[in-house]
């Protein structure tokens, strides 16, 4: 388990990157 796990409000911030490849082409 990843610890600490970000809250549901904060977790989306960790996906905010041009390098997150599954969200781009």
PDBML (XML) file of the C-alpha atoms, coordinates in Angstrom:
<?xml version="1.0" encoding="UTF-8" ?>
<PDBx:datablock datablockName="MODEL"
   xmlns:PDBx="http://pdbml.pdb.org/schema/pdbx-v50.xsd"
   xmlns:xsi="http://www.w3.org/2001/XMLSchema-instance"
   xsi:schemaLocation="http://pdbml.pdb.org/schema/pdbx-v50.xsd pdbx-v50.xsd">
   <PDBx:atom_siteCategory>
      <PDBx:atom_site id="1">
         <PDBx:B_iso_or_equiv>0.00</PDBx:B_iso_or_equiv>
         <PDBx:Cartn_x>0.000</PDBx:Cartn_x>
         <PDBx:Cartn_y>0.000</PDBx:Cartn_y>
         <PDBx:Cartn_z>0.000</PDBx:Cartn_z>
         <PDBx:auth_asym_id>A</PDBx:auth_asym_id>
         <PDBx:auth_atom_id>CA</PDBx:auth_atom_id>
         <PDBx:auth_comp_id>UNK</PDBx:auth_comp_id>
         <PDBx:auth_seq_id>1</PDBx:auth_seq_id>
         <PDBx:group_PDB>ATOM</PDBx:group_PDB>
         <PDBx:label_alt_id xsi:nil="true" />
         <PDBx:label_asym_id>A</PDBx:label_asym_id>
         <PDBx:label_atom_id>CA</PDBx:label_atom_id>
         <PDBx:label_comp_id>UNK</PDBx:label_comp_id>
         <PDBx:label_entity_id>1</PDBx:label_entity_id>
         <PDBx:label_seq_id>1</PDBx:label_seq_id>
         <PDBx:occupancy>1.00</PDBx:occupancy>
         <PDBx:pdbx_PDB_model_num>1</PDBx:pdbx_PDB_model_num>
         <PDBx:type_symbol>C</PDBx:type_symbol>
      </PDBx:atom_site>
      <PDBx:atom_site id="2">
         <PDBx:B_iso_or_equiv>0.00</PDBx:B_iso_or_equiv>
         <PDBx:Cartn_x>1.197</PDBx:Cartn_x>
         <PDBx:Cartn_y>3.497</PDBx:Cartn_y>
         <PDBx:Cartn_z>-0.819</PDBx:Cartn_z>
         <PDBx:auth_asym_id>A</PDBx:auth_asym_id>
         <PDBx:auth_atom_id>CA</PDBx:auth_atom_id>
         <PDBx:auth_comp_id>UNK</PDBx:auth_comp_id>
         <PDBx:auth_seq_id>2</PDBx:auth_seq_id>
         <PDBx:group_PDB>ATOM</PDBx:group_PDB>
         <PDBx:label_alt_id xsi:nil="true" />
         <PDBx:label_asym_id>A</PDBx:label_asym_id>
         <PDBx:label_atom_id>CA</PDBx:label_atom_id>
         <PDBx:label_comp_id>UNK</PDBx:label_comp_id>
         <PDBx:label_entity_id>1</PDBx:label_entity_id>
         <PDBx:label_seq_id>2</PDBx:label_seq_id>
         <PDBx:occupancy>1.00</PDBx:occupancy>
         <PDBx:pdbx_PDB_model_num>1</PDBx:pdbx_PDB_model_num>
         <PDBx:type_symbol>C</PDBx:type_symbol>
      </PDBx:atom_site>
      <PDBx:atom_site id="3">
         <PDBx:B_iso_or_equiv>0.00</PDBx:B_iso_or_equiv>
         <PDBx:Cartn_x>1.387</PDBx:Cartn_x>
         <PDBx:Cartn_y>5.551</PDBx:Cartn_y>
         <PDBx:Cartn_z>2.361</PDBx:Cartn_z>
         <PDBx:auth_asym_id>A</PDBx:auth_asym_id>
         <PDBx:auth_atom_id>CA</PDBx:auth_atom_id>
         <PDBx:auth_comp_id>UNK</PDBx:auth_comp_id>
         <PDBx:auth_seq_id>3</PDBx:auth_seq_id>
         <PDBx:group_PDB>ATOM</PDBx:group_PDB>
         <PDBx:label_alt_id xsi:nil="true" />
         <PDBx:label_asym_id>A</PDBx:label_asym_id>
         <PDBx:label_atom_id>CA</PDBx:label_atom_id>
         <PDBx:label_comp_id>UNK</PDBx:label_comp_id>
         <PDBx:label_entity_id>1</PDBx:label_entity_id>
         <PDBx:label_seq_id>3</PDBx:label_seq_id>
         <PDBx:occupancy>1.00</PDBx:occupancy>
         <PDBx:pdbx_PDB_model_num>1</PDBx:pdbx_PDB_model_num>
         <PDBx:type_symbol>C</PDBx:type_symbol>
      </PDBx:atom_site>
      <PDBx:atom_site id="4">
         <PDBx:B_iso_or_equiv>0.00</PDBx:B_iso_or_equiv>
         <PDBx:Cartn_x>0.236</PDBx:Cartn_x>
         <PDBx:Cartn_y>8.161</PDBx:Cartn_y>
         <PDBx:Cartn_z>2.946</PDBx:Cartn_z>
         <PDBx:auth_asym_id>A</PDBx:auth_asym_id>
         <PDBx:auth_atom_id>CA</PDBx:auth_atom_id>
         <PDBx:auth_comp_id>UNK</PDBx:auth_comp_id>
         <PDBx:auth_seq_id>4</PDBx:auth_seq_id>
         <PDBx:group_PDB>ATOM</PDBx:group_PDB>
         <PDBx:label_alt_id xsi:nil="true" />
         <PDBx:label_asym_id>A</PDBx:label_asym_id>
         <PDBx:label_atom_id>CA</PDBx:label_atom_id>
         <PDBx:label_comp_id>UNK</PDBx:label_comp_id>
         <PDBx:label_entity_id>1</PDBx:label_entity_id>
         <PDBx:label_seq_id>4</PDBx:label_seq_id>
         <PDBx:occupancy>1.00</PDBx:occupancy>
         <PDBx:pdbx_PDB_model_num>1</PDBx:pdbx_PDB_model_num>
         <PDBx:type_symbol>C</PDBx:type_symbol>
      </PDBx:atom_site>
      <PDBx:atom_site id="5">
         <PDBx:B_iso_or_equiv>0.00</PDBx:B_iso_or_equiv>
         <PDBx:Cartn_x>-2.518</PDBx:Cartn_x>
         <PDBx:Cartn_y>7.901</PDBx:Cartn_y>
         <PDBx:Cartn_z>0.372</PDBx:Cartn_z>
         <PDBx:auth_asym_id>A</PDBx:auth_asym_id>
         <PDBx:auth_atom_id>CA</PDBx:auth_atom_id>
         <PDBx:auth_comp_id>UNK</PDBx:auth_comp_id>
         <PDBx:auth_seq_id>5</PDBx:auth_seq_id>
         <PDBx:group_PDB>ATOM</PDBx:group_PDB>
         <PDBx:label_alt_id xsi:nil="true" />
         <PDBx:label_asym_id>A</PDBx:label_asym_id>
         <PDBx:label_atom_id>CA</PDBx:label_atom_id>
         <PDBx:label_comp_id>UNK</PDBx:label_comp_id>
         <PDBx:label_entity_id>1</PDBx:label_entity_id>
         <PDBx:label_seq_id>5</PDBx:label_seq_id>
         <PDBx:occupancy>1.00</PDBx:occupancy>
         <PDBx:pdbx_PDB_model_num>1</PDBx:pdbx_PDB_model_num>
         <PDBx:type_symbol>C</PDBx:type_symbol>
      </PDBx:atom_site>
      <PDBx:atom_site id="6">
         <PDBx:B_iso_or_equiv>0.00</PDBx:B_iso_or_equiv>
         <PDBx:Cartn_x>-3.627</PDBx:Cartn_x>
         <PDBx:Cartn_y>11.318</PDBx:Cartn_y>
         <PDBx:Cartn_z>-0.889</PDBx:Cartn_z>
         <PDBx:auth_asym_id>A</PDBx:auth_asym_id>
         <PDBx:auth_atom_id>CA</PDBx:auth_atom_id>
         <PDBx:auth_comp_id>UNK</PDBx:auth_comp_id>
         <PDBx:auth_seq_id>6</PDBx:auth_seq_id>
         <PDBx:group_PDB>ATOM</PDBx:group_PDB>
         <PDBx:label_alt_id xsi:nil="true" />
         <PDBx:label_asym_id>A</PDBx:label_asym_id>
         <PDBx:label_atom_id>CA</PDBx:label_atom_id>
         <PDBx:label_comp_id>UNK</PDBx:label_comp_id>
         <PDBx:label_entity_id>1</PDBx:label_entity_id>
         <PDBx:label_seq_id>6</PDBx:label_seq_id>
         <PDBx:occupancy>1.00</PDBx:occupancy>
         <PDBx:pdbx_PDB_model_num>1</PDBx:pdbx_PDB_model_num>
         <PDBx:type_symbol>C</PDBx:type_symbol>
      </PDBx:atom_site>
      <PDBx:atom_site id="7">
         <PDBx:B_iso_or_equiv>0.00</PDBx:B_iso_or_equiv>
         <PDBx:Cartn_x>-7.185</PDBx:Cartn_x>
         <PDBx:Cartn_y>12.404</PDBx:Cartn_y>
         <PDBx:Cartn_z>-0.117</PDBx:Cartn_z>
         <PDBx:auth_asym_id>A</PDBx:auth_asym_id>
         <PDBx:auth_atom_id>CA</PDBx:auth_atom_id>
         <PDBx:auth_comp_id>UNK</PDBx:auth_comp_id>
         <PDBx:auth_seq_id>7</PDBx:auth_seq_id>
         <PDBx:group_PDB>ATOM</PDBx:group_PDB>
         <PDBx:label_alt_id xsi:nil="true" />
         <PDBx:label_asym_id>A</PDBx:label_asym_id>
         <PDBx:label_atom_id>CA</PDBx:label_atom_id>
         <PDBx:label_comp_id>UNK</PDBx:label_comp_id>
         <PDBx:label_entity_id>1</PDBx:label_entity_id>
         <PDBx:label_seq_id>7</PDBx:label_seq_id>
         <PDBx:occupancy>1.00</PDBx:occupancy>
         <PDBx:pdbx_PDB_model_num>1</PDBx:pdbx_PDB_model_num>
         <PDBx:type_symbol>C</PDBx:type_symbol>
      </PDBx:atom_site>
      <PDBx:atom_site id="8">
         <PDBx:B_iso_or_equiv>0.00</PDBx:B_iso_or_equiv>
         <PDBx:Cartn_x>-9.772</PDBx:Cartn_x>
         <PDBx:Cartn_y>12.165</PDBx:Cartn_y>
         <PDBx:Cartn_z>-2.891</PDBx:Cartn_z>
         <PDBx:auth_asym_id>A</PDBx:auth_asym_id>
         <PDBx:auth_atom_id>CA</PDBx:auth_atom_id>
         <PDBx:auth_comp_id>UNK</PDBx:auth_comp_id>
         <PDBx:auth_seq_id>8</PDBx:auth_seq_id>
         <PDBx:group_PDB>ATOM</PDBx:group_PDB>
         <PDBx:label_alt_id xsi:nil="true" />
         <PDBx:label_asym_id>A</PDBx:label_asym_id>
         <PDBx:label_atom_id>CA</PDBx:label_atom_id>
         <PDBx:label_comp_id>UNK</PDBx:label_comp_id>
         <PDBx:label_entity_id>1</PDBx:label_entity_id>
         <PDBx:label_seq_id>8</PDBx:label_seq_id>
         <PDBx:occupancy>1.00</PDBx:occupancy>
         <PDBx:pdbx_PDB_model_num>1</PDBx:pdbx_PDB_model_num>
         <PDBx:type_symbol>C</PDBx:type_symbol>
      </PDBx:atom_site>
      <PDBx:atom_site id="9">
         <PDBx:B_iso_or_equiv>0.00</PDBx:B_iso_or_equiv>
         <PDBx:Cartn_x>-9.585</PDBx:Cartn_x>
         <PDBx:Cartn_y>15.957</PDBx:Cartn_y>
         <PDBx:Cartn_z>-3.238</PDBx:Cartn_z>
         <PDBx:auth_asym_id>A</PDBx:auth_asym_id>
         <PDBx:auth_atom_id>CA</PDBx:auth_atom_id>
         <PDBx:auth_comp_id>UNK</PDBx:auth_comp_id>
         <PDBx:auth_seq_id>9</PDBx:auth_seq_id>
         <PDBx:group_PDB>ATOM</PDBx:group_PDB>
         <PDBx:label_alt_id xsi:nil="true" />
         <PDBx:label_asym_id>A</PDBx:label_asym_id>
         <PDBx:label_atom_id>CA</PDBx:label_atom_id>
         <PDBx:label_comp_id>UNK</PDBx:label_comp_id>
         <PDBx:label_entity_id>1</PDBx:label_entity_id>
         <PDBx:label_seq_id>9</PDBx:label_seq_id>
         <PDBx:occupancy>1.00</PDBx:occupancy>
         <PDBx:pdbx_PDB_model_num>1</PDBx:pdbx_PDB_model_num>
         <PDBx:type_symbol>C</PDBx:type_symbol>
      </PDBx:atom_site>
      <PDBx:atom_site id="10">
         <PDBx:B_iso_or_equiv>0.00</PDBx:B_iso_or_equiv>
         <PDBx:Cartn_x>-5.803</PDBx:Cartn_x>
         <PDBx:Cartn_y>16.053</PDBx:Cartn_y>
         <PDBx:Cartn_z>-3.572</PDBx:Cartn_z>
         <PDBx:auth_asym_id>A</PDBx:auth_asym_id>
         <PDBx:auth_atom_id>CA</PDBx:auth_atom_id>
         <PDBx:auth_comp_id>UNK</PDBx:auth_comp_id>
         <PDBx:auth_seq_id>10</PDBx:auth_seq_id>
         <PDBx:group_PDB>ATOM</PDBx:group_PDB>
         <PDBx:label_alt_id xsi:nil="true" />
         <PDBx:label_asym_id>A</PDBx:label_asym_id>
         <PDBx:label_atom_id>CA</PDBx:label_atom_id>
         <PDBx:label_comp_id>UNK</PDBx:label_comp_id>
         <PDBx:label_entity_id>1</PDBx:label_entity_id>
         <PDBx:label_seq_id>10</PDBx:label_seq_id>
         <PDBx:occupancy>1.00</PDBx:occupancy>
         <PDBx:pdbx_PDB_model_num>1</PDBx:pdbx_PDB_model_num>
         <PDBx:type_symbol>C</PDBx:type_symbol>
      </PDBx:atom_site>
      <PDBx:atom_site id="11">
         <PDBx:B_iso_or_equiv>0.00</PDBx:B_iso_or_equiv>
         <PDBx:Cartn_x>-5.238</PDBx:Cartn_x>
         <PDBx:Cartn_y>12.902</PDBx:Cartn_y>
         <PDBx:Cartn_z>-5.657</PDBx:Cartn_z>
         <PDBx:auth_asym_id>A</PDBx:auth_asym_id>
         <PDBx:auth_atom_id>CA</PDBx:auth_atom_id>
         <PDBx:auth_comp_id>UNK</PDBx:auth_comp_id>
         <PDBx:auth_seq_id>11</PDBx:auth_seq_id>
         <PDBx:group_PDB>ATOM</PDBx:group_PDB>
         <PDBx:label_alt_id xsi:nil="true" />
         <PDBx:label_asym_id>A</PDBx:label_asym_id>
         <PDBx:label_atom_id>CA</PDBx:label_atom_id>
         <PDBx:label_comp_id>UNK</PDBx:label_comp_id>
         <PDBx:label_entity_id>1</PDBx:label_entity_id>
         <PDBx:label_seq_id>11</PDBx:label_seq_id>
         <PDBx:occupancy>1.00</PDBx:occupancy>
         <PDBx:pdbx_PDB_model_num>1</PDBx:pdbx_PDB_model_num>
         <PDBx:type_symbol>C</PDBx:type_symbol>
      </PDBx:atom_site>
      <PDBx:atom_site id="12">
         <PDBx:B_iso_or_equiv>0.00</PDBx:B_iso_or_equiv>
         <PDBx:Cartn_x>-6.173</PDBx:Cartn_x>
         <PDBx:Cartn_y>14.506</PDBx:Cartn_y>
         <PDBx:Cartn_z>-9.037</PDBx:Cartn_z>
         <PDBx:auth_asym_id>A</PDBx:auth_asym_id>
         <PDBx:auth_atom_id>CA</PDBx:auth_atom_id>
         <PDBx:auth_comp_id>UNK</PDBx:auth_comp_id>
         <PDBx:auth_seq_id>12</PDBx:auth_seq_id>
         <PDBx:group_PDB>ATOM</PDBx:group_PDB>
         <PDBx:label_alt_id xsi:nil="true" />
         <PDBx:label_asym_id>A</PDBx:label_asym_id>
         <PDBx:label_atom_id>CA</PDBx:label_atom_id>
         <PDBx:label_comp_id>UNK</PDBx:label_comp_id>
         <PDBx:label_entity_id>1</PDBx:label_entity_id>
         <PDBx:label_seq_id>12</PDBx:label_seq_id>
         <PDBx:occupancy>1.00</PDBx:occupancy>
         <PDBx:pdbx_PDB_model_num>1</PDBx:pdbx_PDB_model_num>
         <PDBx:type_symbol>C</PDBx:type_symbol>
      </PDBx:atom_site>
      <PDBx:atom_site id="13">
         <PDBx:B_iso_or_equiv>0.00</PDBx:B_iso_or_equiv>
         <PDBx:Cartn_x>-3.297</PDBx:Cartn_x>
         <PDBx:Cartn_y>16.977</PDBx:Cartn_y>
         <PDBx:Cartn_z>-8.591</PDBx:Cartn_z>
         <PDBx:auth_asym_id>A</PDBx:auth_asym_id>
         <PDBx:auth_atom_id>CA</PDBx:auth_atom_id>
         <PDBx:auth_comp_id>UNK</PDBx:auth_comp_id>
         <PDBx:auth_seq_id>13</PDBx:auth_seq_id>
         <PDBx:group_PDB>ATOM</PDBx:group_PDB>
         <PDBx:label_alt_id xsi:nil="true" />
         <PDBx:label_asym_id>A</PDBx:label_asym_id>
         <PDBx:label_atom_id>CA</PDBx:label_atom_id>
         <PDBx:label_comp_id>UNK</PDBx:label_comp_id>
         <PDBx:label_entity_id>1</PDBx:label_entity_id>
         <PDBx:label_seq_id>13</PDBx:label_seq_id>
         <PDBx:occupancy>1.00</PDBx:occupancy>
         <PDBx:pdbx_PDB_model_num>1</PDBx:pdbx_PDB_model_num>
         <PDBx:type_symbol>C</PDBx:type_symbol>
      </PDBx:atom_site>
      <PDBx:atom_site id="14">
         <PDBx:B_iso_or_equiv>0.00</PDBx:B_iso_or_equiv>
         <PDBx:Cartn_x>-0.830</PDBx:Cartn_x>
         <PDBx:Cartn_y>14.102</PDBx:Cartn_y>
         <PDBx:Cartn_z>-8.984</PDBx:Cartn_z>
         <PDBx:auth_asym_id>A</PDBx:auth_asym_id>
         <PDBx:auth_atom_id>CA</PDBx:auth_atom_id>
         <PDBx:auth_comp_id>UNK</PDBx:auth_comp_id>
         <PDBx:auth_seq_id>14</PDBx:auth_seq_id>
         <PDBx:group_PDB>ATOM</PDBx:group_PDB>
         <PDBx:label_alt_id xsi:nil="true" />
         <PDBx:label_asym_id>A</PDBx:label_asym_id>
         <PDBx:label_atom_id>CA</PDBx:label_atom_id>
         <PDBx:label_comp_id>UNK</PDBx:label_comp_id>
         <PDBx:label_entity_id>1</PDBx:label_entity_id>
         <PDBx:label_seq_id>14</PDBx:label_seq_id>
         <PDBx:occupancy>1.00</PDBx:occupancy>
         <PDBx:pdbx_PDB_model_num>1</PDBx:pdbx_PDB_model_num>
         <PDBx:type_symbol>C</PDBx:type_symbol>
      </PDBx:atom_site>
      <PDBx:atom_site id="15">
         <PDBx:B_iso_or_equiv>0.00</PDBx:B_iso_or_equiv>
         <PDBx:Cartn_x>-2.197</PDBx:Cartn_x>
         <PDBx:Cartn_y>13.405</PDBx:Cartn_y>
         <PDBx:Cartn_z>-12.465</PDBx:Cartn_z>
         <PDBx:auth_asym_id>A</PDBx:auth_asym_id>
         <PDBx:auth_atom_id>CA</PDBx:auth_atom_id>
         <PDBx:auth_comp_id>UNK</PDBx:auth_comp_id>
         <PDBx:auth_seq_id>15</PDBx:auth_seq_id>
         <PDBx:group_PDB>ATOM</PDBx:group_PDB>
         <PDBx:label_alt_id xsi:nil="true" />
         <PDBx:label_asym_id>A</PDBx:label_asym_id>
         <PDBx:label_atom_id>CA</PDBx:label_atom_id>
         <PDBx:label_comp_id>UNK</PDBx:label_comp_id>
         <PDBx:label_entity_id>1</PDBx:label_entity_id>
         <PDBx:label_seq_id>15</PDBx:label_seq_id>
         <PDBx:occupancy>1.00</PDBx:occupancy>
         <PDBx:pdbx_PDB_model_num>1</PDBx:pdbx_PDB_model_num>
         <PDBx:type_symbol>C</PDBx:type_symbol>
      </PDBx:atom_site>
      <PDBx:atom_site id="16">
         <PDBx:B_iso_or_equiv>0.00</PDBx:B_iso_or_equiv>
         <PDBx:Cartn_x>-1.732</PDBx:Cartn_x>
         <PDBx:Cartn_y>17.003</PDBx:Cartn_y>
         <PDBx:Cartn_z>-13.651</PDBx:Cartn_z>
         <PDBx:auth_asym_id>A</PDBx:auth_asym_id>
         <PDBx:auth_atom_id>CA</PDBx:auth_atom_id>
         <PDBx:auth_comp_id>UNK</PDBx:auth_comp_id>
         <PDBx:auth_seq_id>16</PDBx:auth_seq_id>
         <PDBx:group_PDB>ATOM</PDBx:group_PDB>
         <PDBx:label_alt_id xsi:nil="true" />
         <PDBx:label_asym_id>A</PDBx:label_asym_id>
         <PDBx:label_atom_id>CA</PDBx:label_atom_id>
         <PDBx:label_comp_id>UNK</PDBx:label_comp_id>
         <PDBx:label_entity_id>1</PDBx:label_entity_id>
         <PDBx:label_seq_id>16</PDBx:label_seq_id>
         <PDBx:occupancy>1.00</PDBx:occupancy>
         <PDBx:pdbx_PDB_model_num>1</PDBx:pdbx_PDB_model_num>
         <PDBx:type_symbol>C</PDBx:type_symbol>
      </PDBx:atom_site>
      <PDBx:atom_site id="17">
         <PDBx:B_iso_or_equiv>0.00</PDBx:B_iso_or_equiv>
         <PDBx:Cartn_x>1.316</PDBx:Cartn_x>
         <PDBx:Cartn_y>16.541</PDBx:Cartn_y>
         <PDBx:Cartn_z>-15.821</PDBx:Cartn_z>
         <PDBx:auth_asym_id>A</PDBx:auth_asym_id>
         <PDBx:auth_atom_id>CA</PDBx:auth_atom_id>
         <PDBx:auth_comp_id>UNK</PDBx:auth_comp_id>
         <PDBx:auth_seq_id>17</PDBx:auth_seq_id>
         <PDBx:group_PDB>ATOM</PDBx:group_PDB>
         <PDBx:label_alt_id xsi:nil="true" />
         <PDBx:label_asym_id>A</PDBx:label_asym_id>
         <PDBx:label_atom_id>CA</PDBx:label_atom_id>
         <PDBx:label_comp_id>UNK</PDBx:label_comp_id>
         <PDBx:label_entity_id>1</PDBx:label_entity_id>
         <PDBx:label_seq_id>17</PDBx:label_seq_id>
         <PDBx:occupancy>1.00</PDBx:occupancy>
         <PDBx:pdbx_PDB_model_num>1</PDBx:pdbx_PDB_model_num>
         <PDBx:type_symbol>C</PDBx:type_symbol>
      </PDBx:atom_site>
      <PDBx:atom_site id="18">
         <PDBx:B_iso_or_equiv>0.00</PDBx:B_iso_or_equiv>
         <PDBx:Cartn_x>2.017</PDBx:Cartn_x>
         <PDBx:Cartn_y>16.472</PDBx:Cartn_y>
         <PDBx:Cartn_z>-19.538</PDBx:Cartn_z>
         <PDBx:auth_asym_id>A</PDBx:auth_asym_id>
         <PDBx:auth_atom_id>CA</PDBx:auth_atom_id>
         <PDBx:auth_comp_id>UNK</PDBx:auth_comp_id>
         <PDBx:auth_seq_id>18</PDBx:auth_seq_id>
         <PDBx:group_PDB>ATOM</PDBx:group_PDB>
         <PDBx:label_alt_id xsi:nil="true" />
         <PDBx:label_asym_id>A</PDBx:label_asym_id>
         <PDBx:label_atom_id>CA</PDBx:label_atom_id>
         <PDBx:label_comp_id>UNK</PDBx:label_comp_id>
         <PDBx:label_entity_id>1</PDBx:label_entity_id>
         <PDBx:label_seq_id>18</PDBx:label_seq_id>
         <PDBx:occupancy>1.00</PDBx:occupancy>
         <PDBx:pdbx_PDB_model_num>1</PDBx:pdbx_PDB_model_num>
         <PDBx:type_symbol>C</PDBx:type_symbol>
      </PDBx:atom_site>
      <PDBx:atom_site id="19">
         <PDBx:B_iso_or_equiv>0.00</PDBx:B_iso_or_equiv>
         <PDBx:Cartn_x>4.096</PDBx:Cartn_x>
         <PDBx:Cartn_y>13.394</PDBx:Cartn_y>
         <PDBx:Cartn_z>-18.744</PDBx:Cartn_z>
         <PDBx:auth_asym_id>A</PDBx:auth_asym_id>
         <PDBx:auth_atom_id>CA</PDBx:auth_atom_id>
         <PDBx:auth_comp_id>UNK</PDBx:auth_comp_id>
         <PDBx:auth_seq_id>19</PDBx:auth_seq_id>
         <PDBx:group_PDB>ATOM</PDBx:group_PDB>
         <PDBx:label_alt_id xsi:nil="true" />
         <PDBx:label_asym_id>A</PDBx:label_asym_id>
         <PDBx:label_atom_id>CA</PDBx:label_atom_id>
         <PDBx:label_comp_id>UNK</PDBx:label_comp_id>
         <PDBx:label_entity_id>1</PDBx:label_entity_id>
         <PDBx:label_seq_id>19</PDBx:label_seq_id>
         <PDBx:occupancy>1.00</PDBx:occupancy>
         <PDBx:pdbx_PDB_model_num>1</PDBx:pdbx_PDB_model_num>
         <PDBx:type_symbol>C</PDBx:type_symbol>
      </PDBx:atom_site>
      <PDBx:atom_site id="20">
         <PDBx:B_iso_or_equiv>0.00</PDBx:B_iso_or_equiv>
         <PDBx:Cartn_x>1.067</PDBx:Cartn_x>
         <PDBx:Cartn_y>11.385</PDBx:Cartn_y>
         <PDBx:Cartn_z>-17.638</PDBx:Cartn_z>
         <PDBx:auth_asym_id>A</PDBx:auth_asym_id>
         <PDBx:auth_atom_id>CA</PDBx:auth_atom_id>
         <PDBx:auth_comp_id>UNK</PDBx:auth_comp_id>
         <PDBx:auth_seq_id>20</PDBx:auth_seq_id>
         <PDBx:group_PDB>ATOM</PDBx:group_PDB>
         <PDBx:label_alt_id xsi:nil="true" />
         <PDBx:label_asym_id>A</PDBx:label_asym_id>
         <PDBx:label_atom_id>CA</PDBx:label_atom_id>
         <PDBx:label_comp_id>UNK</PDBx:label_comp_id>
         <PDBx:label_entity_id>1</PDBx:label_entity_id>
         <PDBx:label_seq_id>20</PDBx:label_seq_id>
         <PDBx:occupancy>1.00</PDBx:occupancy>
         <PDBx:pdbx_PDB_model_num>1</PDBx:pdbx_PDB_model_num>
         <PDBx:type_symbol>C</PDBx:type_symbol>
      </PDBx:atom_site>
      <PDBx:atom_site id="21">
         <PDBx:B_iso_or_equiv>0.00</PDBx:B_iso_or_equiv>
         <PDBx:Cartn_x>1.021</PDBx:Cartn_x>
         <PDBx:Cartn_y>9.463</PDBx:Cartn_y>
         <PDBx:Cartn_z>-20.863</PDBx:Cartn_z>
         <PDBx:auth_asym_id>A</PDBx:auth_asym_id>
         <PDBx:auth_atom_id>CA</PDBx:auth_atom_id>
         <PDBx:auth_comp_id>UNK</PDBx:auth_comp_id>
         <PDBx:auth_seq_id>21</PDBx:auth_seq_id>
         <PDBx:group_PDB>ATOM</PDBx:group_PDB>
         <PDBx:label_alt_id xsi:nil="true" />
         <PDBx:label_asym_id>A</PDBx:label_asym_id>
         <PDBx:label_atom_id>CA</PDBx:label_atom_id>
         <PDBx:label_comp_id>UNK</PDBx:label_comp_id>
         <PDBx:label_entity_id>1</PDBx:label_entity_id>
         <PDBx:label_seq_id>21</PDBx:label_seq_id>
         <PDBx:occupancy>1.00</PDBx:occupancy>
         <PDBx:pdbx_PDB_model_num>1</PDBx:pdbx_PDB_model_num>
         <PDBx:type_symbol>C</PDBx:type_symbol>
      </PDBx:atom_site>
      <PDBx:atom_site id="22">
         <PDBx:B_iso_or_equiv>0.00</PDBx:B_iso_or_equiv>
         <PDBx:Cartn_x>-2.287</PDBx:Cartn_x>
         <PDBx:Cartn_y>7.578</PDBx:Cartn_y>
         <PDBx:Cartn_z>-20.761</PDBx:Cartn_z>
         <PDBx:auth_asym_id>A</PDBx:auth_asym_id>
         <PDBx:auth_atom_id>CA</PDBx:auth_atom_id>
         <PDBx:auth_comp_id>UNK</PDBx:auth_comp_id>
         <PDBx:auth_seq_id>22</PDBx:auth_seq_id>
         <PDBx:group_PDB>ATOM</PDBx:group_PDB>
         <PDBx:label_alt_id xsi:nil="true" />
         <PDBx:label_asym_id>A</PDBx:label_asym_id>
         <PDBx:label_atom_id>CA</PDBx:label_atom_id>
         <PDBx:label_comp_id>UNK</PDBx:label_comp_id>
         <PDBx:label_entity_id>1</PDBx:label_entity_id>
         <PDBx:label_seq_id>22</PDBx:label_seq_id>
         <PDBx:occupancy>1.00</PDBx:occupancy>
         <PDBx:pdbx_PDB_model_num>1</PDBx:pdbx_PDB_model_num>
         <PDBx:type_symbol>C</PDBx:type_symbol>
      </PDBx:atom_site>
      <PDBx:atom_site id="23">
         <PDBx:B_iso_or_equiv>0.00</PDBx:B_iso_or_equiv>
         <PDBx:Cartn_x>-4.133</PDBx:Cartn_x>
         <PDBx:Cartn_y>10.917</PDBx:Cartn_y>
         <PDBx:Cartn_z>-20.827</PDBx:Cartn_z>
         <PDBx:auth_asym_id>A</PDBx:auth_asym_id>
         <PDBx:auth_atom_id>CA</PDBx:auth_atom_id>
         <PDBx:auth_comp_id>UNK</PDBx:auth_comp_id>
         <PDBx:auth_seq_id>23</PDBx:auth_seq_id>
         <PDBx:group_PDB>ATOM</PDBx:group_PDB>
         <PDBx:label_alt_id xsi:nil="true" />
         <PDBx:label_asym_id>A</PDBx:label_asym_id>
         <PDBx:label_atom_id>CA</PDBx:label_atom_id>
         <PDBx:label_comp_id>UNK</PDBx:label_comp_id>
         <PDBx:label_entity_id>1</PDBx:label_entity_id>
         <PDBx:label_seq_id>23</PDBx:label_seq_id>
         <PDBx:occupancy>1.00</PDBx:occupancy>
         <PDBx:pdbx_PDB_model_num>1</PDBx:pdbx_PDB_model_num>
         <PDBx:type_symbol>C</PDBx:type_symbol>
      </PDBx:atom_site>
      <PDBx:atom_site id="24">
         <PDBx:B_iso_or_equiv>0.00</PDBx:B_iso_or_equiv>
         <PDBx:Cartn_x>-2.501</PDBx:Cartn_x>
         <PDBx:Cartn_y>12.167</PDBx:Cartn_y>
         <PDBx:Cartn_z>-24.037</PDBx:Cartn_z>
         <PDBx:auth_asym_id>A</PDBx:auth_asym_id>
         <PDBx:auth_atom_id>CA</PDBx:auth_atom_id>
         <PDBx:auth_comp_id>UNK</PDBx:auth_comp_id>
         <PDBx:auth_seq_id>24</PDBx:auth_seq_id>
         <PDBx:group_PDB>ATOM</PDBx:group_PDB>
         <PDBx:label_alt_id xsi:nil="true" />
         <PDBx:label_asym_id>A</PDBx:label_asym_id>
         <PDBx:label_atom_id>CA</PDBx:label_atom_id>
         <PDBx:label_comp_id>UNK</PDBx:label_comp_id>
         <PDBx:label_entity_id>1</PDBx:label_entity_id>
         <PDBx:label_seq_id>24</PDBx:label_seq_id>
         <PDBx:occupancy>1.00</PDBx:occupancy>
         <PDBx:pdbx_PDB_model_num>1</PDBx:pdbx_PDB_model_num>
         <PDBx:type_symbol>C</PDBx:type_symbol>
      </PDBx:atom_site>
      <PDBx:atom_site id="25">
         <PDBx:B_iso_or_equiv>0.00</PDBx:B_iso_or_equiv>
         <PDBx:Cartn_x>-1.675</PDBx:Cartn_x>
         <PDBx:Cartn_y>11.070</PDBx:Cartn_y>
         <PDBx:Cartn_z>-27.566</PDBx:Cartn_z>
         <PDBx:auth_asym_id>A</PDBx:auth_asym_id>
         <PDBx:auth_atom_id>CA</PDBx:auth_atom_id>
         <PDBx:auth_comp_id>UNK</PDBx:auth_comp_id>
         <PDBx:auth_seq_id>25</PDBx:auth_seq_id>
         <PDBx:group_PDB>ATOM</PDBx:group_PDB>
         <PDBx:label_alt_id xsi:nil="true" />
         <PDBx:label_asym_id>A</PDBx:label_asym_id>
         <PDBx:label_atom_id>CA</PDBx:label_atom_id>
         <PDBx:label_comp_id>UNK</PDBx:label_comp_id>
         <PDBx:label_entity_id>1</PDBx:label_entity_id>
         <PDBx:label_seq_id>25</PDBx:label_seq_id>
         <PDBx:occupancy>1.00</PDBx:occupancy>
         <PDBx:pdbx_PDB_model_num>1</PDBx:pdbx_PDB_model_num>
         <PDBx:type_symbol>C</PDBx:type_symbol>
      </PDBx:atom_site>
   </PDBx:atom_siteCategory>
</PDBx:datablock>
